[in-house]
Structures are given as C-alpha cells and as structure tokens.
Protein backbone atom coordinates (compact mmCIF):
# COMPACT_ATOMS: atom_id res chain seq x y z
CA UNK A 1 102.79 106.86 89.49
CA UNK A 2 101.97 103.99 87.12
CA UNK A 3 104.23 103.20 84.18
CA UNK A 4 102.09 101.87 81.32
CA UNK A 5 104.50 100.17 78.93
CA UNK A 6 104.16 101.33 75.34
CA UNK A 7 105.82 98.93 72.90
CA UNK A 8 103.69 99.79 69.87
CA UNK A 9 100.93 97.25 70.50
CA UNK A 10 97.84 97.21 72.67
CA UNK A 11 94.86 99.38 73.48
CA UNK A 12 96.86 101.83 75.57
CA UNK A 13 94.29 104.62 75.57
CA UNK A 14 91.48 102.55 77.07
CA UNK A 15 93.79 100.95 79.64
CA UNK A 16 95.16 104.35 80.67
CA UNK A 17 91.66 105.78 81.03
CA UNK A 18 90.54 102.81 83.13
CA UNK A 19 93.56 103.15 85.43
CA UNK A 20 92.89 106.88 85.83
CA UNK A 21 89.24 106.19 86.61
CA UNK A 22 90.42 103.75 89.28
CA UNK A 23 92.38 106.59 90.87
CA UNK A 24 95.84 106.16 89.37
CA UNK A 25 98.24 108.61 87.78
CA UNK A 26 99.43 107.11 84.51
CA UNK A 27 102.28 107.79 82.09
CA UNK A 28 103.11 105.90 78.91
CA UNK A 29 106.66 104.52 78.97
CA UNK A 30 108.55 103.73 75.78
CA UNK A 31 112.06 104.37 77.15
CA UNK A 32 113.39 101.29 78.93
CA UNK A 33 115.78 103.44 80.94
CA UNK A 34 112.90 105.31 82.58
CA UNK A 35 110.88 102.28 83.70
CA UNK A 36 112.66 102.32 87.07
CA UNK A 37 111.15 105.74 87.82
CA UNK A 38 107.63 104.38 88.34
CA UNK A 39 105.99 102.92 91.44
CA UNK A 40 103.83 100.36 89.60
CA UNK A 41 104.12 98.76 86.18
CA UNK A 42 101.35 97.67 83.80
CA UNK A 43 101.96 95.71 80.60
CA UNK A 44 98.89 95.55 78.34
CA UNK A 45 98.68 93.90 74.98
CA UNK A 46 96.70 92.64 72.05
CA UNK A 47 98.04 90.91 68.96
CA UNK A 48 100.67 88.24 68.34
CA UNK A 49 103.10 86.93 70.94
CA UNK A 50 106.09 87.00 68.56
CA UNK A 51 105.53 90.68 67.74
CA UNK A 52 105.15 91.60 71.39
CA UNK A 53 108.25 89.83 72.65
CA UNK A 54 110.19 91.08 69.63
CA UNK A 55 109.26 94.69 70.37
CA UNK A 56 110.17 94.33 74.04
CA UNK A 57 113.55 92.86 73.13
CA UNK A 58 114.28 95.47 70.46
CA UNK A 59 113.76 98.36 72.87
CA UNK A 60 115.46 96.70 75.85
CA UNK A 61 112.16 96.83 77.70
CA UNK A 62 112.35 93.10 78.43
CA UNK A 63 115.45 93.50 80.63
CA UNK A 64 114.10 96.70 82.21
CA UNK A 65 110.82 94.98 83.03
CA UNK A 66 112.60 92.04 84.66
CA UNK A 67 114.72 94.44 86.71
CA UNK A 68 111.63 96.36 87.86
CA UNK A 69 109.88 93.16 88.89
CA UNK A 70 113.01 91.92 90.66
CA UNK A 71 113.08 95.19 92.63
CA UNK A 72 109.66 94.35 94.07
CA UNK A 73 107.46 96.83 92.24
CA UNK A 74 103.83 95.73 91.83
CA UNK A 75 103.25 94.51 88.28
CA UNK A 76 100.04 93.87 86.36
CA UNK A 77 99.98 92.06 83.00
CA UNK A 78 96.87 92.17 80.81
CA UNK A 79 95.99 89.58 78.12
CA UNK A 80 99.09 89.37 75.88
CA UNK A 81 100.92 91.11 78.73
CA UNK A 82 100.15 87.98 80.76
CA UNK A 83 101.19 85.52 78.08
CA UNK A 84 104.67 86.99 77.54
CA UNK A 85 105.51 86.19 81.19
CA UNK A 86 105.62 82.50 80.30
CA UNK A 87 108.60 80.46 79.08
CA UNK A 88 107.35 79.79 75.58
CA UNK A 89 104.43 80.35 73.22
CA UNK A 90 103.20 78.05 70.45
CA UNK A 91 101.50 80.89 68.55
CA UNK A 92 102.69 80.98 64.88
CA UNK A 93 105.69 78.80 65.74
CA UNK A 94 107.67 78.56 68.96
CA UNK A 95 108.88 81.72 70.67
CA UNK A 96 110.62 82.26 73.98
CA UNK A 97 108.89 84.49 76.50
CA UNK A 98 110.25 86.40 79.49
CA UNK A 99 110.44 83.23 81.57
CA UNK A 100 109.05 84.85 84.71
CA UNK A 101 106.31 82.24 85.18
CA UNK A 102 107.25 78.67 84.16
CA UNK A 103 104.89 77.21 81.59
CA UNK A 104 103.64 77.56 78.04
CA UNK A 105 101.08 79.46 75.98
CA UNK A 106 98.96 77.04 73.97
CA UNK A 107 95.93 77.25 71.65
CA UNK A 108 92.45 76.04 72.39
CA UNK A 109 91.81 72.52 71.01
CA UNK A 110 91.61 72.32 67.22
CA UNK A 111 88.19 70.63 67.40
CA UNK A 112 86.70 73.40 69.56
CA UNK A 113 85.07 75.28 66.62
CA UNK A 114 83.57 72.02 65.29
CA UNK A 115 81.99 71.53 68.71
CA UNK A 116 80.38 74.96 68.58
CA UNK A 117 82.99 77.02 70.42
CA UNK A 118 84.26 79.76 68.14
CA UNK A 119 87.85 80.92 68.30
CA UNK A 120 88.77 83.43 69.59
CA UNK A 121 87.04 83.01 72.93
CA UNK A 122 85.28 86.36 73.05
CA UNK A 123 82.79 87.77 75.53
CA UNK A 124 81.82 87.58 79.18
CA UNK A 125 82.89 84.60 81.24
CA UNK A 126 83.79 83.60 84.78
CA UNK A 127 86.77 84.13 87.04
CA UNK A 128 86.93 81.13 89.37
CA UNK A 129 89.20 81.89 92.32
CA UNK A 130 91.08 78.98 93.85
CA UNK A 131 89.21 77.46 96.78
CA UNK A 132 92.43 75.93 98.10
CA UNK A 133 94.01 79.22 99.14
CA UNK A 134 93.17 82.74 100.22
CA UNK A 135 92.05 84.81 97.20
CA UNK A 136 94.73 87.08 95.79
CA UNK A 137 94.07 90.64 97.04
CA UNK A 138 93.95 92.02 93.49
CA UNK A 139 91.48 89.35 92.36
CA UNK A 140 89.32 89.14 95.49
CA UNK A 141 86.83 91.81 94.25
CA UNK A 142 85.98 89.53 91.29
CA UNK A 143 84.45 86.75 93.37
CA UNK A 144 81.18 85.78 91.71
CA UNK A 145 81.68 88.29 88.87
CA UNK A 146 82.18 87.90 85.14
CA UNK A 147 84.79 89.66 83.01
CA UNK A 148 85.44 90.21 79.32
CA UNK A 149 87.78 87.91 77.36
CA UNK A 150 89.22 88.11 73.83
CA UNK A 151 91.88 85.48 73.13
CA UNK A 152 92.79 82.45 71.02
CA UNK A 153 95.68 81.19 73.17
CA UNK A 154 95.91 80.60 76.90
CA UNK A 155 98.53 80.15 79.61
CA UNK A 156 99.34 76.78 81.14
CA UNK A 157 101.54 77.43 84.19
CA UNK A 158 103.65 74.49 85.41
CA UNK A 159 103.39 75.33 89.09
CA UNK A 160 99.84 75.13 90.46
CA UNK A 161 100.79 77.77 93.03
CA UNK A 162 101.09 80.26 90.17
CA UNK A 163 97.49 79.65 89.06
CA UNK A 164 95.44 82.31 90.84
CA UNK A 165 92.12 81.91 89.01
CA UNK A 166 90.67 79.77 86.25
CA UNK A 167 87.95 79.81 83.62
CA UNK A 168 86.52 77.30 81.17
CA UNK A 169 85.54 77.74 77.55
CA UNK A 170 83.21 74.87 76.91
CA UNK A 171 84.79 71.98 78.79
CA UNK A 172 88.34 73.30 78.34
CA UNK A 173 89.84 74.96 81.45
CA UNK A 174 92.47 77.66 81.21
CA UNK A 175 94.24 80.17 83.44
CA UNK A 176 92.24 83.35 84.00
CA UNK A 177 94.95 84.81 86.25
CA UNK A 178 98.49 83.87 87.21
CA UNK A 179 101.12 85.38 89.43
CA UNK A 180 103.70 85.13 92.18
CA UNK A 181 105.30 87.55 94.63
CA UNK A 182 104.75 91.09 93.27
CA UNK A 183 103.40 89.93 89.89
CA UNK A 184 99.77 89.39 88.96
CA UNK A 185 98.47 88.96 85.42
CA UNK A 186 95.06 88.36 83.88
CA UNK A 187 93.91 86.86 80.59
CA UNK A 188 90.80 89.04 80.44
CA UNK A 189 90.57 92.78 79.81
CA UNK A 190 89.82 94.84 82.95
CA UNK A 191 89.35 97.94 80.79
CA UNK A 192 86.48 96.17 78.99
CA UNK A 193 84.99 94.56 82.09
CA UNK A 194 83.01 97.52 83.44
CA UNK A 195 82.56 97.59 87.23
CA UNK A 196 84.37 94.30 87.80
CA UNK A 197 87.39 95.50 85.86
CA UNK A 198 87.43 98.82 87.68
CA UNK A 199 87.30 96.99 91.02
CA UNK A 200 90.33 94.92 90.01
CA UNK A 201 92.31 98.00 88.97
CA UNK A 202 91.43 99.74 92.21
CA UNK A 203 92.65 96.69 94.13
CA UNK A 204 95.89 96.68 92.12
CA UNK A 205 96.52 100.34 93.01
CA UNK A 206 96.04 99.53 96.70
CA UNK A 207 98.11 96.31 96.63
CA UNK A 208 101.34 96.25 98.64
CA UNK A 209 102.94 92.84 98.07
C-alpha cells in the first residue's frame, strides 16, 4: 500500500491515478500518525517551497516522514516533493528544508529569460543518467527518454553521489533526480510524462532498496 502524502498542495488526483495505473494501491494520507502504516511513501508537490514545508511542519508530517524514511521504507519525491528534501531553499527568501539531502534549492540564472529561455522551465526534456555508476533501478527505464518538467527552481546537491540524473535548460545544468539509500526524488512529473513516467512508477513499485 502506497501512502500519498496530502498536505493541501499538489496534483494529488493525477499522481494517484498514475500510481494506480502502474499497479499500486494508493491512499491519501493527511494524518501524520498513520504514515507508518504504509509500505511506500510518495510526496508530490507543486507551488512554493515555504508553503510546502510550512504545511508539513504544521501537521507534524515532517517528523513522520523522516521517521518513515529512517525505517527504510521506499520513498519517492516529485517536483516540490524533491526540493523539500534539501537543506535550504532560496525561493521567496531563505527557508529550511527537511535536511535529508545536503544542498540548496536555487533559481535559474536571472539572465536566462533575456537569452531566450523562459522561466519556468516547462515542457519535455532529457534525463541524463550518470555514466560513472550503475543507473538507479527506479530511473533505469528512462534511459534515452524524455520527461515533462515544470519548475523555476532546481536542486543543487552537495554530494555528487546524491546526484542520480541531470538535465540542462539551455547551457545551465541541474539535478533531474537525486537520492540515497531508500530515497529517490525527481524534478520532473512522472504523472505528466506518459509512458516514460509510467515506467518510472512501475520501477518504484518494484524497488526493494
């Protein structure tokens, strides 16, 4: 059973439908005390970092999520659900994240729009898996595929071992996927990425870290 965290933000319906199509049984979770009851955890999200982390802290879901990850349960973060794993975000100020992956969330360069690259970065783009290590089992089905992105900020992990896949918008590289141990998180939207996204979700359901 998959616990899909509901903190009042995110396109929960489309993520739930995509997970069900991939073969999962999904329940929305808004009670932090019940998060431990699920086999796998998914944190989706769209919107502002400060609102997301604030909602998680208000409901106690931040501590429950950390406890679930510490227990070894497979975790998938999507878009904003990836960014809140970091130490800090520079979006609309400076806000502390969950601190599960060292690093920061930063904007695309200010001059990007002047150079013809609109913000947010929106549309289909690559997922470049690291050639220096074995592809992560959840990401392996994406080799050579494109996925759908919608974001204005991106993750900059400190430890290169936590960078699982990259992408570039113009000449600016950013993390397409990060993770460690039983955590994997993606900047793109699997639920919007058609067959490639479905393949990733299927791989997540079969993943035993």
